[in-house]
C-alpha atoms as a PDB file:
ATOM      1  CA  MET A   1     122.400 102.234  66.680  1.00  0.00           C
ATOM      2  CA  ASN A   2     120.719  99.377  68.753  1.00  0.00           C
ATOM      3  CA  LEU A   3     117.485  98.209  66.976  1.00  0.00           C
ATOM      4  CA  ASP A   4     116.332  96.576  70.912  1.00  0.00           C
ATOM      5  CA  LYS A   5     116.513 100.725  72.355  1.00  0.00           C
ATOM      6  CA  LEU A   6     114.682 102.384  69.082  1.00  0.00           C
ATOM      7  CA  SER A   7     111.544 104.302  70.523  1.00  0.00           C
ATOM      8  CA  ILE A   8     108.772 105.498  68.328  1.00  0.00           C
ATOM      9  CA  HIS A   9     105.190 107.069  68.649  1.00  0.00           C
ATOM     10  CA  GLY A  10     105.327 105.286  72.282  1.00  0.00           C
ATOM     11  CA  PHE A  11     106.348 101.670  71.129  1.00  0.00           C
ATOM     12  CA  LYS A  12     109.004 100.216  73.200  1.00  0.00           C
ATOM     13  CA  SER A  13     111.406  98.532  70.444  1.00  0.00           C
ATOM     14  CA  ILE A  14     111.549  97.760  66.780  1.00  0.00           C
ATOM     15  CA  ARG A  15     112.516  94.257  65.565  1.00  0.00           C
ATOM     16  CA  ASP A  16     111.722  94.432  61.838  1.00  0.00           C
ATOM     17  CA  LEU A  17     111.765  97.813  59.677  1.00  0.00           C
ATOM     18  CA  SER A  18     111.188  97.834  56.171  1.00  0.00           C
ATOM     19  CA  THR A  19     112.449 101.096  54.451  1.00  0.00           C
ATOM     20  CA  GLN A  20     113.603 102.344  50.942  1.00  0.00           C
ATOM     21  CA  SER A  21     114.600 106.084  53.017  1.00  0.00           C
ATOM     22  CA  PRO A  22     118.371 107.050  52.577  1.00  0.00           C
ATOM     23  CA  THR A  23     118.192 109.450  55.617  1.00  0.00           C
ATOM     24  CA  LEU A  24     116.412 106.822  57.890  1.00  0.00           C
ATOM     25  CA  VAL A  25     119.129 104.243  56.767  1.00  0.00           C
ATOM     26  CA  ASN A  26     121.510 106.558  57.382  1.00  0.00           C
ATOM     27  CA  HIS A  27     120.873 105.887  61.395  1.00  0.00           C
ATOM     28  CA  PHE A  28     122.047 102.380  61.380  1.00  0.00           C
ATOM     29  CA  ALA A  29     124.905 100.445  61.203  1.00  0.00           C
ATOM     30  CA  PRO A  30     125.912  97.763  58.463  1.00  0.00           C
ATOM     31  CA  GLU A  31     124.881  94.778  60.585  1.00  0.00           C
ATOM     32  CA  ASP A  32     121.444  96.298  61.407  1.00  0.00           C
ATOM     33  CA  ILE A  33     120.545  96.363  57.838  1.00  0.00           C
ATOM     34  CA  ILE A  34     119.108  93.085  55.908  1.00  0.00           C
ATOM     35  CA  VAL A  35     119.008  93.197  51.848  1.00  0.00           C
ATOM     36  CA  ILE A  36     116.005  91.587  49.734  1.00  0.00           C
ATOM     37  CA  ASN A  37     116.216  90.659  46.786  1.00  0.00           C
ATOM     38  CA  ARG A  38     114.593  88.254  44.402  1.00  0.00           C
ATOM     39  CA  GLU A  39     116.879  85.706  42.337  1.00  0.00           C
ATOM     40  CA  GLU A  40     114.696  83.567  40.401  1.00  0.00           C
ATOM     41  CA  GLY A  41     111.130  83.712  41.557  1.00  0.00           C
ATOM     42  CA  ALA A  42     112.486  83.581  45.331  1.00  0.00           C
ATOM     43  CA  SER A  43     113.209  86.134  48.026  1.00  0.00           C
ATOM     44  CA  THR A  44     116.880  86.096  49.027  1.00  0.00           C
ATOM     45  CA  PHE A  45     118.103  88.247  52.037  1.00  0.00           C
ATOM     46  CA  ARG A  46     122.083  89.403  52.940  1.00  0.00           C
ATOM     47  CA  ARG A  47     123.276  90.738  55.671  1.00  0.00           C
ATOM     48  CA  LEU A  48     125.559  93.901  55.144  1.00  0.00           C
ATOM     49  CA  SER A  49     128.957  93.538  56.469  1.00  0.00           C
ATOM     50  CA  SER A  50     130.997  96.895  57.353  1.00  0.00           C
ATOM     51  CA  ASN A  51     134.625  94.979  56.425  1.00  0.00           C
ATOM     52  CA  GLU A  52     132.501  94.570  52.466  1.00  0.00           C
ATOM     53  CA  LEU A  53     131.872  98.236  52.484  1.00  0.00           C
ATOM     54  CA  GLU A  54     134.776  99.711  54.510  1.00  0.00           C
ATOM     55  CA  ASN A  55     136.582 101.944  51.677  1.00  0.00           C
ATOM     56  CA  TRP A  56     132.856 103.328  50.453  1.00  0.00           C
ATOM     57  CA  LEU A  57     131.989 104.209  54.370  1.00  0.00           C
ATOM     58  CA  GLU A  58     135.503 106.841  54.450  1.00  0.00           C
ATOM     59  CA  ASP A  59     133.632 108.860  51.808  1.00  0.00           C
ATOM     60  CA  TYR A  60     129.866 108.048  52.131  1.00  0.00           C
ATOM     61  CA  ALA A  61     127.043 107.631  54.652  1.00  0.00           C
ATOM     62  CA  LEU A  62     125.207 104.546  54.414  1.00  0.00           C
ATOM     63  CA  GLY A  63     122.109 105.307  52.710  1.00  0.00           C
ATOM     64  CA  GLU A  64     123.901 107.385  49.771  1.00  0.00           C
ATOM     65  CA  LEU A  65     125.324 103.959  48.745  1.00  0.00           C
ATOM     66  CA  TRP A  66     121.580 102.745  48.421  1.00  0.00           C
ATOM     67  CA  VAL A  67     120.912 105.900  46.551  1.00  0.00           C
ATOM     68  CA  LYS A  68     124.093 104.598  44.054  1.00  0.00           C
ATOM     69  CA  ASP A  69     123.091 101.353  44.095  1.00  0.00           C
ATOM     70  CA  VAL A  70     126.260 100.361  45.641  1.00  0.00           C
ATOM     71  CA  ILE A  71     123.978  98.608  48.158  1.00  0.00           C
ATOM     72  CA  VAL A  72     121.291  97.091  45.792  1.00  0.00           C
ATOM     73  CA  GLY A  73     117.665  95.500  46.852  1.00  0.00           C
ATOM     74  CA  GLY A  74     114.227  95.431  46.255  1.00  0.00           C
ATOM     75  CA  PRO A  75     112.300  94.171  43.371  1.00  0.00           C
ATOM     76  CA  ARG A  76     114.433  93.761  40.296  1.00  0.00           C
ATOM     77  CA  HIS A  77     112.898  92.521  37.060  1.00  0.00           C
ATOM     78  CA  GLU A  78     113.944  88.934  36.276  1.00  0.00           C
END
């Protein structure tokens, strides 16, 4: 799915979207997803890779990998 062509509620396009919805994540390619974590008090940003998740994606949807904590993002206790 190309984010530039995504249209919701009359908006022409969406460039940035934040979600923890596995259902919504299923509509995107891994490369469309940037996972944000917190390390040593600073935010880190990592773009997902189809190659990195290739074996997992044979059996699971991208959103399922989020639920299973294969893809880990969000606040964690430091």
